[in-house]
Amino acid sequence: MSSNRKNLKIINIVLIISLFILVMILFKNLRLIQFKSYTAEHFGIETVKSMVDFDNDGIDDYTDIMLGARKDADNHPKYNGKYIAEGYPPDEIGVCSDVIWRAFKNAGYSLKGMIDNDIAESLEDYKNIEKPDTNIDFRRVVNLRVFFDKYAEKLTLDINKIEEWQPGDIVIFGKDKHIGIISDKRNRKGQAYVIHNGGQIHREEDYLKISNVVRHYRFDATTIRKDIFIRWKE
């Protein structure tokens, strides 16, 4: 009897482990599926446009930032966060933070330059930095969080307030673990998609509902001192 009970216990453990593995496989496969996406118009939501067109290309900043993130998503760089002595990684590699400076580049801003300047002027605000390194500081989510805490508008963390999530917004997940840009696509509930790089197949996806949102920003250039801005130079 004792032997039978032991065997039954082993079988139950194997079944539980098998079930867990099956659930993980199903979850992963669900993320590979691209479900139908919707737009703000489907939900009667007005898309917010920036009053600023920093690079004078006829496209407002918020849209430019979102389109810049989408360019990176379409390029699909290999997930690689290695240290680059020249600062900027090549187009074919990147991580989540690289989506952000590339998005800002599309709007004409040098996010690297702005962060480097702010660190030089206010190092005490960046508690995690012992010695500034302009080759990598702008690629760390924790530093992006400090910068946007200072210079961007903080918005709702409630993903069900769907009208408050707008294309070009910036969102941080977890404890400074991940960052992305809000898309103009939405799921069937109206919740915004996120453009981000976590090494996943689809870089523009229905991600808010499966992640812990800790920051939501909008970079409104009309509310920021003009001496903060640095233009992107090719």
Protein backbone atom coordinates (compact mmCIF):
# COMPACT_ATOMS: atom_id res chain seq x y z
CA MET A 1 0.00 0.00 0.00
CA SER A 2 2.84 2.35 0.91
CA SER A 3 4.51 1.71 -2.43
CA ASN A 4 1.26 2.41 -4.31
CA ARG A 5 0.81 5.70 -2.50
CA LYS A 6 4.36 6.68 -3.33
CA ASN A 7 3.83 5.86 -6.99
CA LEU A 8 0.56 7.80 -7.02
CA LYS A 9 2.31 10.81 -5.52
CA ILE A 10 4.99 10.66 -8.19
CA ILE A 11 2.36 10.41 -10.93
CA ASN A 12 0.54 13.45 -9.51
CA ILE A 13 3.76 15.46 -9.43
CA VAL A 14 4.54 14.51 -13.03
CA LEU A 15 1.00 15.49 -14.09
CA ILE A 16 1.26 18.87 -12.35
CA ILE A 17 4.62 19.59 -13.98
CA SER A 18 3.28 18.50 -17.38
CA LEU A 19 0.23 20.72 -16.97
CA PHE A 20 2.43 23.69 -16.03
CA ILE A 21 4.61 23.16 -19.12
CA LEU A 22 1.50 22.90 -21.31
CA VAL A 23 0.10 26.15 -19.92
CA MET A 24 3.42 27.93 -20.56
CA ILE A 25 3.52 26.65 -24.14
CA LEU A 26 -0.06 27.79 -24.76
CA PHE A 27 0.68 31.23 -23.27
CA LYS A 28 3.75 31.61 -25.47
CA ASN A 29 1.82 30.58 -28.57
CA LEU A 30 -0.96 33.03 -27.79
CA ARG A 31 1.60 35.84 -27.89
CA LEU A 32 2.66 34.68 -31.33
CA ILE A 33 -0.87 35.17 -32.63
CA GLN A 34 -1.67 38.60 -34.03
CA PHE A 35 -5.30 39.30 -33.20
CA LYS A 36 -7.34 41.96 -34.99
CA SER A 37 -6.37 45.45 -33.87
CA TYR A 38 -8.53 48.55 -33.62
CA THR A 39 -8.02 52.31 -33.73
CA ALA A 40 -9.11 55.19 -31.51
CA GLU A 41 -11.95 55.94 -33.91
CA HIS A 42 -13.56 52.55 -33.15
CA PHE A 43 -14.10 53.73 -29.57
CA GLY A 44 -14.92 57.38 -30.23
CA ILE A 45 -11.57 58.48 -28.81
CA GLU A 46 -9.98 61.67 -30.10
CA THR A 47 -6.28 61.20 -30.86
CA VAL A 48 -4.20 63.83 -29.05
CA LYS A 49 -1.75 65.72 -31.23
CA SER A 50 1.23 67.68 -29.94
CA MET A 51 1.28 71.42 -30.45
CA VAL A 52 4.98 71.04 -31.29
CA ASP A 53 6.63 69.82 -34.48
CA PHE A 54 10.22 69.97 -33.30
CA ASP A 55 11.83 68.77 -36.53
CA ASN A 56 9.47 70.80 -38.77
CA ASP A 57 8.55 67.81 -40.91
CA GLY A 58 4.81 68.51 -40.88
CA ILE A 59 4.16 65.75 -38.32
CA ASP A 60 3.50 66.56 -34.67
CA ASP A 61 5.89 65.29 -31.98
CA TYR A 62 3.63 62.59 -30.53
CA THR A 63 2.99 61.05 -33.91
CA ASP A 64 6.66 61.34 -34.87
CA ILE A 65 7.71 59.55 -31.67
CA MET A 66 5.23 56.74 -32.27
CA LEU A 67 6.28 56.38 -35.92
CA GLY A 68 9.95 56.33 -34.89
CA ALA A 69 9.26 53.46 -32.50
CA ARG A 70 7.40 51.64 -35.27
CA LYS A 71 10.38 52.04 -37.60
CA ASP A 72 12.50 50.26 -35.02
CA ALA A 73 9.84 47.55 -34.67
CA ASP A 74 9.69 47.08 -38.44
CA ASN A 75 13.49 46.89 -38.56
CA HIS A 76 13.29 44.15 -35.90
CA PRO A 77 16.80 44.53 -34.40
CA LYS A 78 18.22 41.49 -32.66
CA TYR A 79 17.87 41.78 -28.88
CA ASN A 80 21.36 42.66 -27.70
CA GLY A 81 22.27 45.16 -25.00
CA LYS A 82 26.05 44.98 -25.24
CA TYR A 83 28.13 48.00 -24.32
CA ILE A 84 28.98 50.15 -27.34
CA ALA A 85 32.06 52.34 -27.05
CA GLU A 86 30.61 54.83 -29.54
CA GLY A 87 27.36 55.07 -27.53
CA TYR A 88 24.75 54.34 -30.18
CA PRO A 89 24.31 50.67 -31.11
CA PRO A 90 24.04 49.82 -34.82
CA ASP A 91 20.57 49.51 -36.33
CA GLU A 92 20.62 45.73 -36.36
CA ILE A 93 20.79 45.34 -32.56
CA GLY A 94 19.04 46.93 -29.61
CA VAL A 95 17.04 46.56 -26.41
CA CYS A 96 13.92 48.21 -25.01
CA SER A 97 15.65 51.49 -24.18
CA ASP A 98 16.98 51.78 -27.74
CA VAL A 99 13.40 51.95 -29.01
CA ILE A 100 13.01 55.18 -27.02
CA TRP A 101 15.98 57.20 -28.28
CA ARG A 102 15.26 56.02 -31.83
CA ALA A 103 11.65 57.15 -31.43
CA PHE A 104 12.79 60.58 -30.20
CA LYS A 105 15.33 60.78 -33.01
CA ASN A 106 12.42 60.51 -35.46
CA ALA A 107 10.94 63.65 -33.89
CA GLY A 108 14.26 65.48 -34.13
CA TYR A 109 15.39 65.15 -30.50
CA SER A 110 18.71 63.83 -29.24
CA LEU A 111 17.47 62.00 -26.17
CA LYS A 112 21.02 60.88 -25.45
CA GLY A 113 22.24 64.46 -25.50
CA MET A 114 19.44 65.66 -23.24
CA ILE A 115 20.01 62.89 -20.70
CA ASP A 116 23.80 63.33 -20.76
CA ASN A 117 23.36 67.06 -20.11
CA ASP A 118 20.89 66.50 -17.30
CA ILE A 119 23.18 63.96 -15.63
CA ALA A 120 26.11 66.39 -15.90
CA GLU A 121 24.05 69.23 -14.39
CA SER A 122 22.08 67.22 -11.81
CA LEU A 123 24.00 64.05 -11.01
CA GLU A 124 22.41 63.96 -7.56
CA ASP A 125 19.04 63.15 -9.18
CA TYR A 126 20.44 59.96 -10.70
CA LYS A 127 20.99 57.92 -7.55
CA ASN A 128 22.16 54.80 -9.38
CA ILE A 129 25.05 56.53 -11.16
CA GLU A 130 28.39 56.62 -9.39
CA LYS A 131 30.39 57.74 -12.39
CA PRO A 132 28.65 59.08 -15.54
CA ASP A 133 29.24 57.16 -18.76
CA THR A 134 27.78 58.81 -21.84
CA ASN A 135 28.10 55.58 -23.81
CA ILE A 136 25.51 53.73 -21.73
CA ASP A 137 23.63 56.04 -19.32
CA PHE A 138 20.95 56.90 -21.90
CA ARG A 139 20.31 53.18 -22.52
CA ARG A 140 19.38 52.36 -18.91
CA VAL A 141 15.68 52.34 -18.08
CA VAL A 142 16.30 53.66 -14.57
CA ASN A 143 17.92 56.80 -16.03
CA LEU A 144 15.12 57.25 -18.54
CA ARG A 145 12.67 57.06 -15.64
CA VAL A 146 14.52 59.79 -13.74
CA PHE A 147 14.67 62.01 -16.83
CA PHE A 148 10.98 61.60 -17.70
CA ASP A 149 9.95 62.02 -14.07
CA LYS A 150 11.52 65.47 -14.32
CA TYR A 151 10.56 66.55 -17.83
CA ALA A 152 7.46 64.66 -18.94
CA GLU A 153 3.83 64.75 -17.90
CA LYS A 154 2.85 61.85 -15.62
CA LEU A 155 -0.39 60.17 -16.63
CA THR A 156 -2.74 57.44 -15.45
CA LEU A 157 -1.58 53.88 -14.79
CA ASP A 158 -5.13 52.54 -15.23
CA ILE A 159 -5.11 50.77 -18.60
CA ASN A 160 -8.92 50.78 -18.66
CA LYS A 161 -9.01 54.58 -18.93
CA ILE A 162 -8.50 53.94 -22.60
CA GLU A 163 -8.87 57.53 -23.79
CA GLU A 164 -5.86 58.57 -21.70
CA TRP A 165 -3.45 56.26 -23.51
CA GLN A 166 -2.32 58.03 -26.65
CA PRO A 167 0.14 57.31 -29.49
CA GLY A 168 3.67 58.44 -28.59
CA ASP A 169 3.20 58.10 -24.83
CA ILE A 170 6.03 56.43 -22.92
CA VAL A 171 5.40 53.56 -20.53
CA ILE A 172 7.69 51.83 -18.00
CA PHE A 173 7.03 48.36 -16.60
CA GLY A 174 8.13 46.69 -13.38
CA LYS A 175 10.90 48.11 -11.25
CA ASP A 176 12.66 49.96 -14.08
CA LYS A 177 12.79 46.66 -15.96
CA HIS A 178 11.25 47.53 -19.32
CA ILE A 179 10.10 50.50 -21.40
CA GLY A 180 8.09 51.07 -24.56
CA ILE A 181 6.07 53.53 -26.66
CA ILE A 182 2.28 53.52 -26.94
CA SER A 183 0.96 52.62 -30.40
CA ASP A 184 -2.07 53.92 -32.31
CA LYS A 185 -3.39 50.33 -32.36
CA ARG A 186 -5.72 48.96 -29.70
CA ASN A 187 -7.26 45.66 -28.64
CA ARG A 188 -10.98 44.88 -28.74
CA LYS A 189 -11.44 46.59 -25.34
CA GLY A 190 -9.76 49.74 -26.55
CA GLN A 191 -6.59 49.16 -24.54
CA ALA A 192 -3.53 50.51 -26.32
CA TYR A 193 -0.84 48.36 -27.89
CA VAL A 194 2.81 48.87 -26.95
CA ILE A 195 5.79 49.14 -29.31
CA HIS A 196 8.75 47.63 -27.49
CA ASN A 197 11.72 45.30 -27.76
CA GLY A 198 11.89 42.36 -25.40
CA GLY A 199 13.25 40.07 -28.08
CA GLN A 200 9.71 38.94 -28.96
CA ILE A 201 8.44 38.10 -32.45
CA HIS A 202 5.88 40.91 -32.68
CA ARG A 203 7.39 44.21 -31.53
CA GLU A 204 4.01 46.01 -31.59
CA GLU A 205 1.57 44.07 -29.47
CA ASP A 206 -1.25 43.92 -26.91
CA TYR A 207 1.10 44.12 -23.92
CA LEU A 208 -0.34 46.47 -21.29
CA LYS A 209 -2.75 43.88 -19.87
CA ILE A 210 -0.03 41.32 -19.15
CA SER A 211 2.51 43.66 -17.56
CA ASN A 212 2.96 45.74 -14.43
CA VAL A 213 2.76 49.39 -15.52
CA VAL A 214 4.63 51.69 -13.13
CA ARG A 215 5.01 54.89 -15.19
CA HIS A 216 3.07 56.50 -18.03
CA TYR A 217 4.38 59.73 -19.55
CA ARG A 218 3.75 62.22 -22.31
CA PHE A 219 6.67 64.35 -23.51
CA ASP A 220 4.93 67.72 -23.90
CA ALA A 221 7.54 70.11 -25.25
CA THR A 222 5.33 73.14 -24.56
CA THR A 223 5.81 72.67 -20.80
CA ILE A 224 9.59 72.18 -20.80
CA ARG A 225 12.35 74.79 -20.67
CA LYS A 226 13.73 75.26 -24.15
CA ASP A 227 17.33 74.97 -22.94
CA ILE A 228 16.63 71.31 -22.17
CA PHE A 229 16.15 70.46 -25.85
CA ILE A 230 18.99 69.17 -27.99
CA ARG A 231 18.43 68.55 -31.68
CA TRP A 232 19.42 65.33 -33.36
CA LYS A 233 22.43 65.77 -35.64
CA GLU A 234 23.15 63.19 -38.31
